[in-house]
Amino acid sequence: MARNSTHPANPMRRVLSFPVMLCAALVFLTLHTCAGRFDDPDLWWHLQTGKRILTERAVPTADNFSFTAAGQPWLTQEWLADLLLAATFQTYSEQGLHILFVSTASAIVILGYILCGFWSGNWKTSIIGGILILYFLTTSLTIRPALIGLLFLSAQLILLWQWQYGRGKLTFLLPLLTALWANTHASFLLGLLAIAAITAWRIAHRQSGWQWLPLSVAAACLTPHGIATLAYPIEVLFHQPDNLNNIAEWAPLSLAEPRAAAFLIVIAFILAAHVRNWIRLQPIEWLLLSTGSLLAIQHVRMLPIFGLLAAPILCRILAGWWETYDAAKDQPVFNTMLILIAAISAPMLLPAAADIRRQIAVTEPSQAVAAVRQLNLSGPMINDYTWGGYLIWALPEHKVFIDGRADLYAPLGILKEYRRWALLEEDPSLLLDRHGIRFCFLRRSAPVAQALRYMPAWKLAYQDDQAVIFARR
């Protein structure tokens, strides 16, 4: 991997350099990509959790959003991200959340571009890596703690690159980064594994720095949950098959996934480059490529991680096909014009509050929520799985049956029970009677919603283009 590249000596020329102009272009492209992606099913229960933390000044340790898992221990591993989201929403409303969203996504893409530049030594070809990272990021490009986890991964990969290649002045930040990461998202485990891999390599080559691994592991326990934080991602990945098997984003990569073709093309090109001796892959590159590929093949939600790990390798292969950036040939006036165009145009890509609310109305059942209150429905409710998070936020007086916290419901058997009911694998009345359900809040297209129309114990109380509500007679 290249360790040196040409940079302008003058600070102002650096600010107006060609690589900075490319970063501005990447930010513009990211803002355009994020414009219609505000809503996420899990956003709402994260907001409600953060609101609860702000109100109670404490991190929840038991569930109080559902009636099926009420009082059960709940490890709120993403509490810091929830607090950030709720505080932003409380202060700046939906537009503030969107700005936080696009800022996080832009930072991931820019850090990915910088990583590609460090890795390849060619800031021109690295623009391809930045675009590729953004493309794979669209797999789960919504407002959610996982996006903040990807931001920490991007930053850590740069720190590890500098540490590995003798520029480790900022290596001391690894434990601090891990502590923040562990309070934000469970993907911190991947960061610990990356530190472990570099540490093992350095020990094998009799180099110093082994202390950063135990310090980072200890830092990961600096959470309200202590050492249980370390066990949480392992528990989800290896001991909750119902969670992984029944949630779409945990499904294996399918050829029907639009990004599967790009995934296969990137792998094929990198392997062809190695076989044809265009470039020889280093051991660490084989590790990155194999890790990213295996994660993406097993779970489609891991494609963004594959993008961050594979893009630098791809850029190193392409580095020899395009002349390296030379600061002496820079055109600061031209760069300034393009940077200004991107800066002036960027605010136009930020949706207005009314536009964001329209996005929410398309995917979330706001009219049906109002109908529940108008109908004065009471008693236990069963709800559509993907709407559970929104109902926690918009209809807090009614505890949900289930929501996106699959790691809470799977060990209790609720997730499997709900799946059988939703797919009509058993008589729907069995679950409804067992839990004393008084009304059903479902998608109009759901199979069980069609069955309820013919069940004498239930009557249609409300319907619109999105939702139906059935009440027990």
Protein backbone atom coordinates (compact mmCIF):
# COMPACT_ATOMS: atom_id res chain seq x y z
CA MET A 1 0.00 0.00 0.00
CA ALA A 2 1.26 3.45 -0.91
CA ARG A 3 2.47 5.55 1.98
CA ASN A 4 3.28 8.81 0.28
CA SER A 5 1.38 11.20 -1.95
CA THR A 6 1.91 14.74 -3.15
CA HIS A 7 0.10 17.53 -1.31
CA PRO A 8 0.21 21.33 -1.75
CA ALA A 9 2.54 23.02 0.74
CA ASN A 10 0.38 26.16 1.06
CA PRO A 11 -2.53 25.60 3.50
CA MET A 12 -4.94 27.61 1.32
CA ARG A 13 -3.97 25.65 -1.77
CA ARG A 14 -4.68 22.47 0.21
CA VAL A 15 -8.18 23.71 1.03
CA LEU A 16 -8.76 24.47 -2.66
CA SER A 17 -6.98 21.39 -4.00
CA PHE A 18 -8.27 18.78 -6.43
CA PRO A 19 -8.86 16.12 -3.71
CA VAL A 20 -10.95 18.59 -1.68
CA MET A 21 -12.97 19.37 -4.79
CA LEU A 22 -13.60 15.64 -5.21
CA CYS A 23 -14.75 15.48 -1.57
CA ALA A 24 -17.19 18.31 -2.25
CA ALA A 25 -18.52 16.36 -5.23
CA LEU A 26 -18.95 13.26 -3.05
CA VAL A 27 -20.85 15.28 -0.43
CA PHE A 28 -23.15 16.67 -3.12
CA LEU A 29 -23.79 13.17 -4.44
CA THR A 30 -24.46 11.87 -0.91
CA LEU A 31 -26.95 14.67 -0.19
CA HIS A 32 -28.76 13.87 -3.41
CA THR A 33 -28.87 10.16 -2.50
CA CYS A 34 -30.20 10.86 1.01
CA ALA A 35 -32.93 13.31 -0.06
CA GLY A 36 -35.78 10.77 -0.05
CA ARG A 37 -34.50 8.41 2.66
CA PHE A 38 -35.62 10.04 5.90
CA ASP A 39 -37.91 7.37 7.29
CA ASP A 40 -36.80 4.06 8.80
CA PRO A 41 -39.07 1.64 10.71
CA ASP A 42 -36.69 1.54 13.67
CA LEU A 43 -36.08 5.29 13.86
CA TRP A 44 -39.20 5.82 15.94
CA TRP A 45 -38.50 3.46 18.80
CA HIS A 46 -34.94 4.83 18.92
CA LEU A 47 -36.44 8.32 19.27
CA GLN A 48 -38.79 7.17 22.02
CA THR A 49 -35.92 5.47 23.86
CA GLY A 50 -33.85 8.63 23.65
CA LYS A 51 -36.82 10.67 24.85
CA ARG A 52 -37.18 8.31 27.80
CA ILE A 53 -33.49 8.76 28.65
CA LEU A 54 -33.85 12.55 28.49
CA THR A 55 -36.92 12.43 30.72
CA GLU A 56 -35.75 9.88 33.29
CA ARG A 57 -32.04 10.76 33.21
CA ALA A 58 -31.28 7.04 33.15
CA VAL A 59 -30.66 4.33 30.58
CA PRO A 60 -33.56 1.82 30.44
CA THR A 61 -32.77 -1.69 31.62
CA ALA A 62 -36.23 -3.25 31.12
CA ASP A 63 -38.84 -3.03 28.37
CA ASN A 64 -41.88 -0.83 28.85
CA PHE A 65 -42.89 -0.32 25.21
CA SER A 66 -44.61 -3.67 24.65
CA PHE A 67 -47.01 -5.84 26.64
CA THR A 68 -45.54 -9.13 25.43
CA ALA A 69 -42.05 -8.40 26.84
CA ALA A 70 -43.04 -5.90 29.52
CA GLY A 71 -40.55 -5.86 32.40
CA GLN A 72 -38.12 -8.17 30.62
CA PRO A 73 -34.41 -7.25 30.81
CA TRP A 74 -33.49 -5.12 27.82
CA LEU A 75 -29.90 -4.24 27.00
CA THR A 76 -30.21 -0.80 25.37
CA GLN A 77 -26.84 -1.10 23.67
CA GLU A 78 -27.47 1.85 21.32
CA TRP A 79 -28.48 4.27 24.09
CA LEU A 80 -25.98 6.99 23.15
CA ALA A 81 -27.18 7.07 19.54
CA ASP A 82 -30.79 7.12 20.77
CA LEU A 83 -29.98 10.07 23.03
CA LEU A 84 -28.33 11.94 20.14
CA LEU A 85 -31.30 11.32 17.85
CA ALA A 86 -33.88 12.37 20.44
CA ALA A 87 -31.97 15.49 21.48
CA THR A 88 -31.58 16.52 17.83
CA PHE A 89 -35.27 15.95 17.13
CA GLN A 90 -36.35 17.76 20.29
CA THR A 91 -34.22 20.80 19.40
CA TYR A 92 -34.34 20.96 15.61
CA SER A 93 -37.32 18.78 14.60
CA GLU A 94 -37.31 16.57 11.49
CA GLN A 95 -35.03 18.84 9.48
CA GLY A 96 -32.39 18.68 12.19
CA LEU A 97 -32.54 14.89 12.10
CA HIS A 98 -32.12 14.95 8.33
CA ILE A 99 -29.07 17.22 8.59
CA LEU A 100 -27.58 14.84 11.17
CA PHE A 101 -28.36 11.99 8.78
CA VAL A 102 -26.70 13.52 5.70
CA SER A 103 -23.74 14.75 7.77
CA THR A 104 -23.08 11.24 9.06
CA ALA A 105 -23.46 9.67 5.61
CA SER A 106 -21.21 12.31 4.03
CA ALA A 107 -18.55 11.79 6.71
CA ILE A 108 -18.55 8.03 6.00
CA VAL A 109 -18.06 8.59 2.27
CA ILE A 110 -15.34 11.23 2.76
CA LEU A 111 -13.44 9.08 5.27
CA GLY A 112 -13.79 6.17 2.86
CA TYR A 113 -12.35 8.34 0.09
CA ILE A 114 -9.43 9.36 2.34
CA LEU A 115 -8.81 5.71 3.24
CA CYS A 116 -8.74 4.83 -0.47
CA GLY A 117 -6.29 7.68 -1.06
CA PHE A 118 -3.99 6.51 1.72
CA TRP A 119 -4.20 2.91 0.55
CA SER A 120 -3.65 3.52 -3.16
CA GLY A 121 -1.55 6.69 -3.12
CA ASN A 122 -3.72 8.01 -5.94
CA TRP A 123 -6.31 10.64 -5.01
CA LYS A 124 -7.80 10.58 -8.49
CA THR A 125 -8.74 6.91 -8.67
CA SER A 126 -9.95 7.11 -5.08
CA ILE A 127 -13.06 8.93 -6.27
CA ILE A 128 -14.16 5.56 -7.68
CA GLY A 129 -13.74 4.07 -4.22
CA GLY A 130 -15.82 6.86 -2.67
CA ILE A 131 -18.65 6.33 -5.15
CA LEU A 132 -18.51 2.56 -4.61
CA ILE A 133 -18.68 3.02 -0.83
CA LEU A 134 -21.75 5.26 -1.23
CA TYR A 135 -23.39 2.73 -3.56
CA PHE A 136 -23.05 -0.15 -1.10
CA LEU A 137 -24.02 2.19 1.74
CA THR A 138 -27.46 2.61 0.15
CA THR A 139 -28.27 -0.92 1.32
CA SER A 140 -29.15 0.57 4.72
CA LEU A 141 -28.86 4.32 4.18
CA THR A 142 -31.41 5.60 6.69
CA ILE A 143 -31.38 7.39 10.04
CA ARG A 144 -30.31 4.68 12.44
CA PRO A 145 -27.52 3.90 14.95
CA ALA A 146 -26.00 1.43 12.46
CA LEU A 147 -25.03 4.39 10.28
CA ILE A 148 -23.11 5.94 13.18
CA GLY A 149 -21.43 2.56 13.66
CA LEU A 150 -20.24 2.68 10.04
CA LEU A 151 -18.85 6.16 10.69
CA PHE A 152 -16.79 4.79 13.58
CA LEU A 153 -15.62 1.90 11.39
CA SER A 154 -14.46 4.34 8.70
CA ALA A 155 -12.51 6.39 11.25
CA GLN A 156 -10.98 3.29 12.82
CA LEU A 157 -9.78 1.92 9.48
CA ILE A 158 -7.85 5.14 8.91
CA LEU A 159 -6.32 4.97 12.40
CA LEU A 160 -5.35 1.33 11.84
CA TRP A 161 -3.79 2.14 8.46
CA GLN A 162 -1.68 4.87 10.04
CA TRP A 163 -0.71 2.60 12.92
CA GLN A 164 0.26 -0.24 10.62
CA TYR A 165 2.40 1.91 8.34
CA GLY A 166 4.36 3.98 10.83
CA ARG A 167 2.12 7.03 11.16
CA GLY A 168 0.51 6.03 14.42
CA LYS A 169 0.55 9.38 16.24
CA LEU A 170 -3.22 9.11 16.72
CA THR A 171 -3.29 5.43 17.70
CA PHE A 172 -4.06 6.48 21.28
CA LEU A 173 -7.55 7.38 20.02
CA LEU A 174 -8.44 3.72 19.42
CA PRO A 175 -9.72 3.02 22.98
CA LEU A 176 -11.68 6.29 23.02
CA LEU A 177 -13.24 5.49 19.65
CA THR A 178 -14.11 1.99 20.89
CA ALA A 179 -15.77 3.34 24.04
CA LEU A 180 -17.99 5.69 22.01
CA TRP A 181 -18.70 2.96 19.48
CA ALA A 182 -19.68 0.39 22.13
CA ASN A 183 -22.29 2.81 23.49
CA THR A 184 -23.66 3.46 20.02
CA HIS A 185 -23.91 0.22 18.05
CA ALA A 186 -23.03 -3.47 18.33
CA SER A 187 -20.75 -3.30 15.28
CA PHE A 188 -17.98 -2.25 17.69
CA LEU A 189 -17.16 -5.98 17.84
CA LEU A 190 -15.91 -5.78 14.25
CA GLY A 191 -13.65 -2.92 15.31
CA LEU A 192 -12.18 -5.02 18.13
CA LEU A 193 -11.54 -7.87 15.71
CA ALA A 194 -9.73 -5.48 13.35
CA ILE A 195 -7.51 -4.25 16.20
CA ALA A 196 -6.85 -7.87 17.17
CA ALA A 197 -5.79 -8.73 13.61
CA ILE A 198 -3.32 -5.83 13.41
CA THR A 199 -2.03 -6.64 16.90
CA ALA A 200 -1.41 -10.28 15.98
CA TRP A 201 0.49 -9.20 12.85
CA ARG A 202 2.65 -6.76 14.84
CA ILE A 203 3.42 -9.35 17.52
CA ALA A 204 4.38 -11.88 14.84
CA HIS A 205 6.77 -9.30 13.38
CA ARG A 206 8.09 -8.29 16.82
CA GLN A 207 6.69 -4.79 16.66
CA SER A 208 5.34 -2.79 19.59
CA GLY A 209 1.79 -1.68 20.20
CA TRP A 210 0.11 -4.80 21.59
CA GLN A 211 -1.30 -2.77 24.51
CA TRP A 212 -3.97 -1.11 22.35
CA LEU A 213 -5.97 -4.32 22.11
CA PRO A 214 -6.54 -4.90 25.87
CA LEU A 215 -7.11 -1.16 26.34
CA SER A 216 -9.75 -1.17 23.60
CA VAL A 217 -11.44 -4.28 25.02
CA ALA A 218 -11.56 -2.59 28.43
CA ALA A 219 -12.92 0.58 26.82
CA ALA A 220 -15.75 -1.43 25.24
CA CYS A 221 -16.95 -2.25 28.77
CA LEU A 222 -17.28 1.44 29.69
CA THR A 223 -21.02 1.37 29.17
CA PRO A 224 -24.06 1.29 31.48
CA HIS A 225 -24.14 -2.47 30.91
CA GLY A 226 -20.49 -3.21 31.64
CA ILE A 227 -19.04 -6.48 30.38
CA ALA A 228 -22.49 -7.56 29.12
CA THR A 229 -21.90 -5.19 26.20
CA LEU A 230 -19.17 -7.52 24.89
CA ALA A 231 -21.49 -10.51 25.00
CA TYR A 232 -24.43 -8.76 23.31
CA PRO A 233 -23.33 -8.91 19.62
CA ILE A 234 -22.11 -12.48 20.08
CA GLU A 235 -25.48 -13.47 21.55
CA VAL A 236 -27.36 -11.92 18.63
CA LEU A 237 -25.14 -13.44 15.93
CA PHE A 238 -24.77 -16.96 17.27
CA HIS A 239 -27.63 -17.64 19.68
CA GLN A 240 -30.69 -16.02 18.11
CA PRO A 241 -31.45 -17.96 14.91
CA ASP A 242 -35.08 -16.78 14.90
CA ASN A 243 -33.84 -13.21 14.76
CA LEU A 244 -31.39 -13.78 11.89
CA ASN A 245 -33.66 -16.11 9.91
CA ASN A 246 -36.84 -14.03 9.99
CA ILE A 247 -35.58 -10.45 9.51
CA ALA A 248 -35.06 -9.40 5.88
CA GLU A 249 -31.87 -7.38 6.39
CA TRP A 250 -30.22 -10.36 8.09
CA ALA A 251 -30.98 -12.58 5.09
CA PRO A 252 -28.11 -13.95 2.95
CA LEU A 253 -27.14 -11.93 -0.11
CA SER A 254 -29.44 -12.80 -3.01
CA LEU A 255 -28.86 -12.34 -6.72
CA ALA A 256 -32.15 -10.44 -6.70
CA GLU A 257 -30.47 -7.76 -4.58
CA PRO A 258 -29.60 -4.88 -6.98
CA ARG A 259 -26.13 -4.51 -5.46
CA ALA A 260 -25.26 -8.20 -5.82
CA ALA A 261 -23.98 -7.65 -9.38
CA ALA A 262 -21.62 -4.89 -8.21
CA PHE A 263 -20.47 -7.10 -5.34
CA LEU A 264 -19.58 -9.94 -7.73
CA ILE A 265 -17.92 -7.60 -10.24
CA VAL A 266 -15.66 -6.05 -7.57
CA ILE A 267 -14.57 -9.46 -6.26
CA ALA A 268 -14.00 -10.84 -9.76
CA PHE A 269 -11.96 -7.80 -10.81
CA ILE A 270 -9.75 -7.89 -7.69
CA LEU A 271 -9.10 -11.63 -8.08
CA ALA A 272 -8.40 -11.22 -11.82
CA ALA A 273 -5.91 -8.44 -11.05
CA HIS A 274 -4.07 -10.76 -8.68
CA VAL A 275 -4.13 -13.76 -11.02
CA ARG A 276 -2.95 -11.75 -14.03
CA ASN A 277 -0.19 -10.13 -11.96
CA TRP A 278 -1.51 -6.61 -12.44
CA ILE A 279 -0.85 -6.32 -8.72
CA ARG A 280 -0.07 -8.70 -5.88
CA LEU A 281 -2.50 -8.63 -2.96
CA GLN A 282 -0.91 -8.28 0.45
CA PRO A 283 -1.92 -10.64 3.31
CA ILE A 284 -3.86 -7.86 5.00
CA GLU A 285 -5.76 -7.25 1.77
CA TRP A 286 -6.72 -10.91 1.53
CA LEU A 287 -7.97 -10.67 5.12
CA LEU A 288 -10.02 -7.54 4.39
CA LEU A 289 -11.49 -8.91 1.16
CA SER A 290 -12.39 -12.32 2.61
CA THR A 291 -13.87 -10.83 5.78
CA GLY A 292 -15.99 -8.30 3.90
CA SER A 293 -17.12 -10.88 1.35
CA LEU A 294 -18.13 -13.49 3.94
CA LEU A 295 -20.06 -10.92 5.97
CA ALA A 296 -21.95 -9.68 2.89
CA ILE A 297 -22.72 -13.17 1.61
CA GLN A 298 -24.15 -14.20 4.98
CA HIS A 299 -26.12 -11.00 5.64
CA VAL A 300 -27.18 -8.43 3.05
CA ARG A 301 -27.00 -5.64 5.65
CA MET A 302 -23.20 -6.14 5.72
CA LEU A 303 -22.74 -4.84 2.15
CA PRO A 304 -21.72 -1.36 3.40
CA ILE A 305 -18.93 -2.99 5.42
CA PHE A 306 -17.81 -4.86 2.30
CA GLY A 307 -17.69 -1.53 0.46
CA LEU A 308 -15.43 0.04 3.08
CA LEU A 309 -13.08 -2.96 3.09
CA ALA A 310 -12.93 -3.67 -0.66
CA ALA A 311 -12.88 -0.15 -2.13
CA PRO A 312 -9.29 0.66 -0.99
CA ILE A 313 -8.03 -2.56 -2.57
CA LEU A 314 -9.81 -1.78 -5.82
CA CYS A 315 -8.34 1.73 -5.86
CA ARG A 316 -4.81 0.38 -5.36
CA ILE A 317 -5.31 -1.80 -8.44
CA LEU A 318 -6.58 1.15 -10.46
CA ALA A 319 -3.86 3.51 -9.19
CA GLY A 320 -1.48 2.63 -12.01
CA TRP A 321 -4.14 3.22 -14.68
CA TRP A 322 -4.54 6.93 -13.99
CA GLU A 323 -1.74 9.41 -13.33
CA THR A 324 -1.22 10.34 -9.69
CA TYR A 325 -2.44 13.68 -8.43
CA ASP A 326 0.34 16.27 -8.70
CA ALA A 327 -0.09 19.41 -6.57
CA ALA A 328 2.15 21.37 -8.95
CA LYS A 329 -0.43 20.92 -11.72
CA ASP A 330 -3.40 21.88 -9.57
CA GLN A 331 -5.94 24.42 -10.78
CA PRO A 332 -7.13 26.22 -7.61
CA VAL A 333 -9.42 28.63 -9.48
CA PHE A 334 -11.21 25.79 -11.25
CA ASN A 335 -11.39 23.78 -8.00
CA THR A 336 -12.79 26.80 -6.14
CA MET A 337 -15.54 27.26 -8.72
CA LEU A 338 -16.65 23.65 -8.42
CA ILE A 339 -16.47 23.70 -4.61
CA LEU A 340 -18.61 26.85 -4.53
CA ILE A 341 -21.14 25.34 -6.93
CA ALA A 342 -21.44 22.27 -4.70
CA ALA A 343 -21.71 24.41 -1.54
CA ILE A 344 -24.39 26.69 -3.02
CA SER A 345 -26.37 23.80 -4.48
CA ALA A 346 -26.22 21.57 -1.38
CA PRO A 347 -28.98 23.35 0.61
CA MET A 348 -31.34 22.82 -2.31
CA LEU A 349 -31.01 19.08 -1.74
CA LEU A 350 -32.20 19.30 1.86
CA PRO A 351 -35.94 18.54 1.98
CA ALA A 352 -38.27 21.00 3.69
CA ALA A 353 -40.19 19.93 6.80
CA ALA A 354 -43.33 19.44 4.72
CA ASP A 355 -41.45 17.17 2.30
CA ILE A 356 -40.14 15.06 5.19
CA ARG A 357 -43.63 14.71 6.64
CA ARG A 358 -44.89 13.60 3.25
CA GLN A 359 -42.16 10.93 3.18
CA ILE A 360 -43.27 9.75 6.60
CA ALA A 361 -46.95 9.69 5.56
CA VAL A 362 -46.13 7.42 2.63
CA THR A 363 -44.62 4.70 4.83
CA GLU A 364 -46.12 5.20 8.29
CA PRO A 365 -49.84 4.81 9.22
CA SER A 366 -50.46 8.26 10.69
CA GLN A 367 -54.16 8.29 9.65
CA ALA A 368 -54.78 4.90 11.23
CA VAL A 369 -53.17 6.10 14.46
CA ALA A 370 -55.67 8.96 14.56
CA ALA A 371 -58.48 6.46 13.92
CA VAL A 372 -57.49 4.37 16.96
CA ARG A 373 -57.98 7.42 19.15
CA GLN A 374 -61.23 8.40 17.46
CA LEU A 375 -62.62 4.89 17.85
CA ASN A 376 -61.56 4.91 21.51
CA LEU A 377 -60.14 1.40 21.21
CA SER A 378 -58.69 -0.19 24.32
CA GLY A 379 -57.09 -3.41 25.48
CA PRO A 380 -54.15 -5.40 24.07
CA MET A 381 -53.24 -4.67 20.45
CA ILE A 382 -51.44 -6.77 17.87
CA ASN A 383 -49.64 -4.79 15.21
CA ASP A 384 -47.71 -5.10 11.97
CA TYR A 385 -44.05 -5.84 12.74
CA THR A 386 -42.55 -2.97 10.72
CA TRP A 387 -45.00 -0.46 12.19
CA GLY A 388 -44.22 -1.39 15.79
CA GLY A 389 -41.51 1.26 16.12
CA TYR A 390 -43.77 4.00 14.77
CA LEU A 391 -46.61 2.99 17.09
CA ILE A 392 -44.24 3.18 20.07
CA TRP A 393 -43.62 6.79 19.11
CA ALA A 394 -47.01 7.91 17.78
CA LEU A 395 -49.37 5.81 19.94
CA PRO A 396 -47.51 5.37 23.25
CA GLU A 397 -50.71 4.85 25.26
CA HIS A 398 -51.12 1.46 23.55
CA LYS A 399 -48.33 -1.03 24.20
CA VAL A 400 -47.23 -2.85 21.04
CA PHE A 401 -47.22 -6.59 20.54
CA ILE A 402 -43.89 -6.51 18.67
CA ASP A 403 -41.49 -4.05 17.04
CA GLY A 404 -38.03 -3.92 15.46
CA ARG A 405 -36.20 -4.98 18.64
CA ALA A 406 -36.01 -8.57 17.46
CA ASP A 407 -33.16 -9.28 19.90
CA LEU A 408 -35.67 -8.69 22.72
CA TYR A 409 -38.53 -10.78 21.32
CA ALA A 410 -36.61 -13.70 19.76
CA PRO A 411 -35.39 -15.27 23.07
CA LEU A 412 -38.95 -15.09 24.45
CA GLY A 413 -40.39 -16.94 21.46
CA ILE A 414 -42.56 -13.94 20.56
CA LEU A 415 -40.91 -13.44 17.16
CA LYS A 416 -41.50 -17.05 16.11
CA GLU A 417 -45.06 -17.00 17.46
CA TYR A 418 -45.83 -13.78 15.59
CA ARG A 419 -44.35 -15.10 12.35
CA ARG A 420 -46.56 -18.21 12.42
CA TRP A 421 -49.60 -16.01 13.00
CA ALA A 422 -48.73 -13.43 10.32
CA LEU A 423 -48.11 -16.09 7.66
CA LEU A 424 -51.25 -18.08 8.58
CA GLU A 425 -49.22 -21.14 9.53
CA GLU A 426 -51.79 -21.79 12.27
CA ASP A 427 -55.32 -20.73 13.13
CA PRO A 428 -55.04 -16.93 13.74
CA SER A 429 -57.57 -17.08 16.55
CA LEU A 430 -55.18 -19.17 18.69
CA LEU A 431 -52.69 -16.34 19.22
CA LEU A 432 -55.42 -13.69 19.44
CA ASP A 433 -57.23 -15.58 22.18
CA ARG A 434 -54.05 -16.60 24.00
CA HIS A 435 -52.95 -12.95 24.40
CA GLY A 436 -56.44 -11.50 24.82
CA ILE A 437 -56.05 -9.25 21.78
CA ARG A 438 -58.79 -6.61 21.50
CA PHE A 439 -57.85 -5.01 18.19
CA CYS A 440 -55.48 -5.63 15.27
CA PHE A 441 -53.49 -2.84 13.58
CA LEU A 442 -52.25 -4.30 10.28
CA ARG A 443 -51.23 -3.59 6.73
CA ARG A 444 -54.14 -3.79 4.36
CA SER A 445 -52.17 -6.24 2.17
CA ALA A 446 -51.19 -8.59 5.01
CA PRO A 447 -52.39 -12.21 4.56
CA VAL A 448 -53.78 -12.32 8.10
CA ALA A 449 -55.74 -9.12 7.42
CA GLN A 450 -57.56 -10.91 4.62
CA ALA A 451 -58.35 -13.82 6.92
CA LEU A 452 -59.75 -11.57 9.66
CA ARG A 453 -62.42 -10.28 7.26
CA TYR A 454 -64.02 -13.74 7.37
CA MET A 455 -63.66 -14.43 11.08
CA PRO A 456 -67.01 -13.86 12.88
CA ALA A 457 -65.34 -12.75 16.12
CA TRP A 458 -63.83 -9.73 14.40
CA LYS A 459 -65.22 -6.66 12.62
CA LEU A 460 -63.53 -4.15 10.33
CA ALA A 461 -63.37 -0.90 12.31
CA TYR A 462 -61.23 1.18 9.94
CA GLN A 463 -59.34 0.98 6.66
CA ASP A 464 -57.41 3.25 4.32
CA ASP A 465 -54.95 2.69 1.47
CA GLN A 466 -52.29 1.54 3.94
CA ALA A 467 -53.81 0.07 7.03
CA VAL A 468 -56.78 -1.85 8.42
CA ILE A 469 -57.98 -2.01 12.00
CA PHE A 470 -60.06 -4.94 13.21
CA ALA A 471 -61.82 -4.87 16.56
CA ARG A 472 -63.08 -7.85 18.52
CA ARG A 473 -66.89 -7.99 18.49
